[in-house]
Amino acid sequence: MTSEPPNVLSPKGITDEHAAAEDAPVFPAGAGITGDTSVDGLITHLAGIPGLPIDEHNALYTGLHDGLLAELNADLSADHDAS
C-alpha cells in the first residue's frame, strides 16, 4: 500500500507548498521614472530580470552599473548652453 505523504507542517504551521510560495522572489511592478532620460533608459532593462536565467543576472547588473556610472561621470557642461 503506497500513499502520498501528508503535507508537512512547518514549525509555524504552514504547509510546504505555502512556504515555497512565500520563498518565491517578489519583483517590483516596474522601474520608476527618474526624470533623467538617460537613466530611465538604462533602468528599463530591470524589467527583464524576472524572466532571465539566474546565470545571466550578473551581466545585466554589470551593464546597468557601468551605464549608470558613465552617466554619473558624464560632462554635464555639454548639456548646457554657454552664456
N, C-alpha and C. Protein backbone atom coordinates (compact mmCIF):
# COMPACT_ATOMS: atom_id res chain seq x y z
N MET A 1 0.84 -1.17 0.00
CA MET A 1 0.00 0.00 0.00
C MET A 1 0.89 1.24 0.00
N THR A 2 0.79 2.04 -1.05
CA THR A 2 1.55 3.29 -1.11
C THR A 2 0.59 4.45 -1.04
N SER A 3 0.99 5.42 -0.34
CA SER A 3 0.16 6.62 -0.24
C SER A 3 1.07 7.84 -0.26
N GLU A 4 0.50 8.94 -0.65
CA GLU A 4 1.25 10.20 -0.65
C GLU A 4 1.44 10.67 0.78
N PRO A 5 2.63 11.18 1.09
CA PRO A 5 2.82 11.70 2.45
C PRO A 5 1.94 12.94 2.65
N PRO A 6 1.45 13.11 3.83
CA PRO A 6 0.61 14.30 4.08
C PRO A 6 1.46 15.56 4.00
N ASN A 7 0.80 16.67 3.76
CA ASN A 7 1.52 17.94 3.79
C ASN A 7 2.15 18.11 5.16
N VAL A 8 3.43 18.36 5.16
CA VAL A 8 4.16 18.51 6.40
C VAL A 8 4.04 19.95 6.86
N LEU A 9 3.70 20.13 8.11
CA LEU A 9 3.59 21.47 8.65
C LEU A 9 4.93 21.93 9.16
N SER A 10 5.26 23.14 8.85
CA SER A 10 6.49 23.73 9.36
C SER A 10 6.25 24.13 10.81
N PRO A 11 7.30 24.55 11.51
CA PRO A 11 7.11 24.98 12.90
C PRO A 11 6.08 26.11 13.03
N LYS A 12 5.90 26.88 11.97
CA LYS A 12 4.92 27.97 12.01
C LYS A 12 3.52 27.48 11.67
N GLY A 13 3.38 26.19 11.30
CA GLY A 13 2.08 25.67 10.94
C GLY A 13 1.72 25.92 9.48
N ILE A 14 2.71 26.16 8.64
CA ILE A 14 2.48 26.44 7.23
C ILE A 14 2.84 25.21 6.42
N THR A 15 2.03 24.85 5.45
CA THR A 15 2.33 23.69 4.62
C THR A 15 3.55 23.97 3.75
N ASP A 16 4.20 22.90 3.27
CA ASP A 16 5.37 23.04 2.41
C ASP A 16 5.06 23.88 1.17
N GLU A 17 3.88 23.65 0.57
CA GLU A 17 3.52 24.38 -0.63
C GLU A 17 3.41 25.87 -0.36
N HIS A 18 2.79 26.21 0.78
CA HIS A 18 2.63 27.62 1.14
C HIS A 18 3.99 28.25 1.42
N ALA A 19 4.86 27.53 2.10
CA ALA A 19 6.19 28.04 2.41
C ALA A 19 6.97 28.29 1.14
N ALA A 20 6.86 27.39 0.16
CA ALA A 20 7.57 27.56 -1.10
C ALA A 20 7.08 28.80 -1.82
N ALA A 21 5.79 29.07 -1.78
CA ALA A 21 5.25 30.26 -2.42
C ALA A 21 5.76 31.52 -1.73
N GLU A 22 5.90 31.47 -0.42
CA GLU A 22 6.42 32.63 0.32
C GLU A 22 7.89 32.88 0.02
N ASP A 23 8.65 31.84 -0.33
CA ASP A 23 10.06 31.98 -0.62
C ASP A 23 10.33 32.48 -2.03
N ALA A 24 9.31 32.51 -2.87
CA ALA A 24 9.50 32.97 -4.24
C ALA A 24 9.86 34.45 -4.24
N PRO A 25 10.77 34.85 -5.13
CA PRO A 25 11.16 36.27 -5.16
C PRO A 25 9.99 37.16 -5.58
N VAL A 26 9.96 38.33 -5.03
CA VAL A 26 8.93 39.31 -5.37
C VAL A 26 9.64 40.45 -6.10
N PHE A 27 9.16 40.75 -7.29
CA PHE A 27 9.77 41.81 -8.08
C PHE A 27 8.85 43.02 -8.09
N PRO A 28 9.43 44.23 -8.09
CA PRO A 28 8.59 45.42 -8.16
C PRO A 28 7.83 45.46 -9.49
N ALA A 29 6.73 46.18 -9.50
CA ALA A 29 5.88 46.26 -10.69
C ALA A 29 6.62 46.85 -11.88
N GLY A 30 7.51 47.76 -11.67
CA GLY A 30 8.25 48.36 -12.77
C GLY A 30 9.24 49.38 -12.25
N ALA A 31 10.17 49.71 -13.11
CA ALA A 31 11.17 50.71 -12.74
C ALA A 31 10.52 52.08 -12.68
N GLY A 32 10.95 52.86 -11.74
CA GLY A 32 10.42 54.21 -11.59
C GLY A 32 10.98 55.16 -12.63
N ILE A 33 10.39 56.29 -12.70
CA ILE A 33 10.86 57.33 -13.60
C ILE A 33 11.70 58.30 -12.78
N THR A 34 12.92 58.55 -13.25
CA THR A 34 13.81 59.43 -12.51
C THR A 34 13.76 60.86 -13.03
N GLY A 35 13.28 61.04 -14.24
CA GLY A 35 13.29 62.36 -14.85
C GLY A 35 14.52 62.59 -15.71
N ASP A 36 15.48 61.70 -15.62
CA ASP A 36 16.68 61.75 -16.45
C ASP A 36 16.51 60.70 -17.54
N THR A 37 16.37 61.13 -18.78
CA THR A 37 16.07 60.18 -19.85
C THR A 37 17.16 59.14 -20.04
N SER A 38 18.40 59.50 -19.80
CA SER A 38 19.49 58.53 -19.94
C SER A 38 19.39 57.44 -18.88
N VAL A 39 19.13 57.86 -17.65
CA VAL A 39 19.00 56.90 -16.54
C VAL A 39 17.75 56.06 -16.73
N ASP A 40 16.65 56.71 -17.09
CA ASP A 40 15.40 55.97 -17.31
C ASP A 40 15.58 54.91 -18.40
N GLY A 41 16.32 55.24 -19.43
CA GLY A 41 16.58 54.27 -20.50
C GLY A 41 17.36 53.08 -20.00
N LEU A 42 18.28 53.30 -19.08
CA LEU A 42 19.08 52.21 -18.53
C LEU A 42 18.27 51.31 -17.60
N ILE A 43 17.47 51.93 -16.73
CA ILE A 43 16.77 51.12 -15.73
C ILE A 43 15.60 50.34 -16.31
N THR A 44 15.19 50.64 -17.52
CA THR A 44 14.12 49.85 -18.13
C THR A 44 14.55 48.40 -18.33
N HIS A 45 15.86 48.16 -18.39
CA HIS A 45 16.36 46.79 -18.54
C HIS A 45 16.06 45.92 -17.32
N LEU A 46 15.79 46.56 -16.19
CA LEU A 46 15.46 45.79 -14.97
C LEU A 46 14.17 45.00 -15.13
N ALA A 47 13.29 45.43 -16.00
CA ALA A 47 12.01 44.75 -16.19
C ALA A 47 12.20 43.32 -16.70
N GLY A 48 13.32 43.03 -17.35
CA GLY A 48 13.56 41.70 -17.89
C GLY A 48 14.11 40.70 -16.89
N ILE A 49 14.46 41.13 -15.71
CA ILE A 49 15.09 40.25 -14.73
C ILE A 49 14.24 39.04 -14.35
N PRO A 50 12.93 39.19 -14.09
CA PRO A 50 12.17 38.01 -13.67
C PRO A 50 12.21 36.84 -14.66
N GLY A 51 12.32 37.11 -15.95
CA GLY A 51 12.34 36.04 -16.93
C GLY A 51 13.74 35.62 -17.36
N LEU A 52 14.74 36.25 -16.81
CA LEU A 52 16.12 35.99 -17.19
C LEU A 52 16.71 34.87 -16.36
N PRO A 53 17.43 33.94 -17.00
CA PRO A 53 18.09 32.89 -16.21
C PRO A 53 19.07 33.52 -15.21
N ILE A 54 19.16 32.93 -14.05
CA ILE A 54 19.99 33.49 -12.98
C ILE A 54 21.44 33.70 -13.42
N ASP A 55 21.96 32.80 -14.24
CA ASP A 55 23.37 32.95 -14.65
C ASP A 55 23.58 34.14 -15.58
N GLU A 56 22.51 34.80 -16.01
CA GLU A 56 22.63 36.00 -16.84
C GLU A 56 22.39 37.29 -16.05
N HIS A 57 22.03 37.17 -14.77
CA HIS A 57 21.78 38.35 -13.95
C HIS A 57 23.04 39.20 -13.80
N ASN A 58 24.18 38.57 -13.60
CA ASN A 58 25.41 39.30 -13.37
C ASN A 58 25.72 40.23 -14.55
N ALA A 59 25.58 39.74 -15.76
CA ALA A 59 25.86 40.57 -16.94
C ALA A 59 24.90 41.75 -17.01
N LEU A 60 23.62 41.53 -16.69
CA LEU A 60 22.66 42.62 -16.73
C LEU A 60 22.99 43.67 -15.67
N TYR A 61 23.27 43.23 -14.44
CA TYR A 61 23.59 44.18 -13.38
C TYR A 61 24.91 44.90 -13.65
N THR A 62 25.89 44.19 -14.20
CA THR A 62 27.16 44.82 -14.52
C THR A 62 26.98 45.89 -15.59
N GLY A 63 26.21 45.57 -16.62
CA GLY A 63 25.93 46.55 -17.67
C GLY A 63 25.18 47.75 -17.14
N LEU A 64 24.21 47.51 -16.26
CA LEU A 64 23.46 48.60 -15.65
C LEU A 64 24.38 49.47 -14.79
N HIS A 65 25.20 48.83 -13.98
CA HIS A 65 26.14 49.58 -13.14
C HIS A 65 27.07 50.44 -13.98
N ASP A 66 27.65 49.84 -15.02
CA ASP A 66 28.59 50.58 -15.86
C ASP A 66 27.91 51.74 -16.58
N GLY A 67 26.67 51.51 -17.05
CA GLY A 67 25.94 52.57 -17.71
C GLY A 67 25.59 53.72 -16.78
N LEU A 68 25.15 53.38 -15.55
CA LEU A 68 24.83 54.42 -14.58
C LEU A 68 26.09 55.18 -14.15
N LEU A 69 27.20 54.47 -14.01
CA LEU A 69 28.46 55.13 -13.65
C LEU A 69 28.89 56.08 -14.75
N ALA A 70 28.75 55.67 -16.00
CA ALA A 70 29.09 56.55 -17.12
C ALA A 70 28.22 57.80 -17.12
N GLU A 71 26.93 57.64 -16.82
CA GLU A 71 26.03 58.81 -16.74
C GLU A 71 26.42 59.72 -15.60
N LEU A 72 26.80 59.13 -14.46
CA LEU A 72 27.21 59.93 -13.31
C LEU A 72 28.47 60.72 -13.62
N ASN A 73 29.38 60.15 -14.39
CA ASN A 73 30.64 60.80 -14.69
C ASN A 73 30.62 61.62 -15.98
N ALA A 74 29.45 61.67 -16.63
CA ALA A 74 29.35 62.43 -17.89
C ALA A 74 29.57 63.92 -17.63
N ASP A 75 30.13 64.57 -18.62
CA ASP A 75 30.37 66.01 -18.54
C ASP A 75 29.05 66.72 -18.80
N LEU A 76 28.47 67.28 -17.76
CA LEU A 76 27.19 67.95 -17.88
C LEU A 76 27.28 69.28 -18.61
N SER A 77 28.47 69.84 -18.74
CA SER A 77 28.61 71.14 -19.40
C SER A 77 28.19 71.06 -20.87
N ALA A 78 28.25 69.88 -21.46
CA ALA A 78 27.83 69.72 -22.84
C ALA A 78 26.33 69.85 -22.98
N ASP A 79 25.59 69.66 -21.89
CA ASP A 79 24.13 69.73 -21.92
C ASP A 79 23.59 71.15 -21.73
N HIS A 80 24.45 72.10 -21.39
CA HIS A 80 24.00 73.45 -21.08
C HIS A 80 24.56 74.43 -22.10
N ASP A 81 23.76 75.43 -22.41
CA ASP A 81 24.22 76.48 -23.33
C ASP A 81 25.20 77.38 -22.59
N ALA A 82 26.28 77.73 -23.27
CA ALA A 82 27.23 78.67 -22.67
C ALA A 82 26.62 80.08 -22.69
N SER A 83 26.77 80.79 -21.60
CA SER A 83 26.19 82.14 -21.54
C SER A 83 27.25 83.18 -21.74
